[in-house]
Amino acid sequence: MGQAGQSQGRSSRSNNLVVPQANAALQQLKYEAAQELGVTIPQDGYYGNYTSRETGSLGGYITKRLVQLAEQQLSGRTGM
C-alpha cells in the first residue's frame, strides 16, 4: 500500500496543468484572490499552518473567478 495522502505510483501533486503556459496567469489570479480575501500566500508554498477556512475560501474564490472567465469567453465577451 502507498503512504497516507499518496496514491501508489503517483506523485503527491495531482493538480498538473493541462495547459502549462497558463501557470503565470493562474499564479497572478491566486495572488489577486489572496489579496482580496486578506490571506497571505506563504513564500515557501507550504499551507500547513493555514486553516481550512483560509485555504478553502481562497480555492473557492479562484474557482468562482475561473468560471466567470470561462463564461465570459464562451459568451464572446472580453475583459474582466
Protein backbone atom coordinates (compact mmCIF):
# COMPACT_ATOMS: atom_id res chain seq x y z
CA MET A 1 0.00 0.00 0.00
CA GLY A 2 1.03 3.59 -0.60
CA GLN A 3 1.72 6.12 2.09
CA ALA A 4 -1.12 8.15 3.54
CA GLY A 5 -2.03 11.01 1.22
CA GLN A 6 -0.37 9.43 -1.82
CA SER A 7 -1.66 7.04 -4.43
CA GLN A 8 0.64 4.26 -5.45
CA GLY A 9 2.83 5.18 -8.38
CA ARG A 10 1.81 8.82 -8.38
CA SER A 11 3.42 11.96 -7.09
CA SER A 12 1.81 13.76 -4.19
CA ARG A 13 0.87 16.63 -6.50
CA SER A 14 -2.17 15.92 -8.62
CA ASN A 15 -3.02 19.39 -9.89
CA ASN A 16 -0.93 19.33 -13.05
CA LEU A 17 -1.99 21.94 -15.57
CA VAL A 18 -3.49 20.83 -18.87
CA VAL A 19 -2.04 24.00 -20.42
CA PRO A 20 1.31 24.63 -18.68
CA GLN A 21 1.56 28.07 -20.31
CA ALA A 22 -1.38 29.16 -18.13
CA ASN A 23 0.72 28.87 -14.96
CA ALA A 24 1.67 32.56 -14.80
CA ALA A 25 -1.94 33.68 -15.22
CA LEU A 26 -3.12 31.24 -12.55
CA GLN A 27 -0.43 32.42 -10.14
CA GLN A 28 -1.49 36.02 -10.72
CA LEU A 29 -5.12 35.06 -10.09
CA LYS A 30 -4.10 33.32 -6.86
CA TYR A 31 -2.27 36.39 -5.58
CA GLU A 32 -5.16 38.69 -6.53
CA ALA A 33 -7.65 36.42 -4.78
CA ALA A 34 -5.48 36.20 -1.67
CA GLN A 35 -5.14 39.96 -1.53
CA GLU A 36 -8.90 40.47 -1.83
CA LEU A 37 -9.57 37.89 0.90
CA GLY A 38 -6.79 39.09 3.19
CA VAL A 39 -4.91 35.77 3.04
CA THR A 40 -1.12 35.89 2.83
CA ILE A 41 0.41 33.43 0.36
CA PRO A 42 3.27 31.54 2.04
CA GLN A 43 6.62 32.23 0.37
CA ASP A 44 7.67 28.58 0.68
CA GLY A 45 4.38 27.25 -0.72
CA TYR A 46 3.53 25.36 2.49
CA TYR A 47 -0.09 25.83 3.53
CA GLY A 48 0.04 23.53 6.58
CA ASN A 49 -0.17 26.44 9.01
CA TYR A 50 -3.34 27.80 7.41
CA THR A 51 -6.88 26.98 8.47
CA SER A 52 -9.27 25.07 6.25
CA ARG A 53 -11.38 28.21 6.13
CA GLU A 54 -8.48 30.26 4.72
CA THR A 55 -7.42 27.75 2.09
CA GLY A 56 -11.00 26.81 1.25
CA SER A 57 -12.06 30.41 0.76
CA LEU A 58 -9.04 31.01 -1.45
CA GLY A 59 -9.71 27.92 -3.57
CA GLY A 60 -13.42 28.73 -3.79
CA TYR A 61 -12.75 32.29 -4.86
CA ILE A 62 -10.28 31.17 -7.54
CA THR A 63 -12.78 28.61 -8.85
CA LYS A 64 -15.51 31.26 -8.95
CA ARG A 65 -13.28 33.62 -10.94
CA LEU A 66 -12.24 30.86 -13.37
CA VAL A 67 -15.90 30.01 -14.01
CA GLN A 68 -16.67 33.71 -14.59
CA LEU A 69 -13.77 34.00 -17.04
CA ALA A 70 -14.89 30.86 -18.91
CA GLU A 71 -18.48 32.14 -19.10
CA GLN A 72 -17.25 35.46 -20.49
CA GLN A 73 -15.14 33.68 -23.08
CA LEU A 74 -17.98 31.40 -24.12
CA SER A 75 -20.39 34.31 -24.46
CA GLY A 76 -17.87 36.21 -26.61
CA ARG A 77 -17.22 38.99 -24.09
CA THR A 78 -13.69 40.07 -23.37
CA GLY A 79 -12.15 41.72 -20.34
CA MET A 80 -12.78 41.08 -16.68
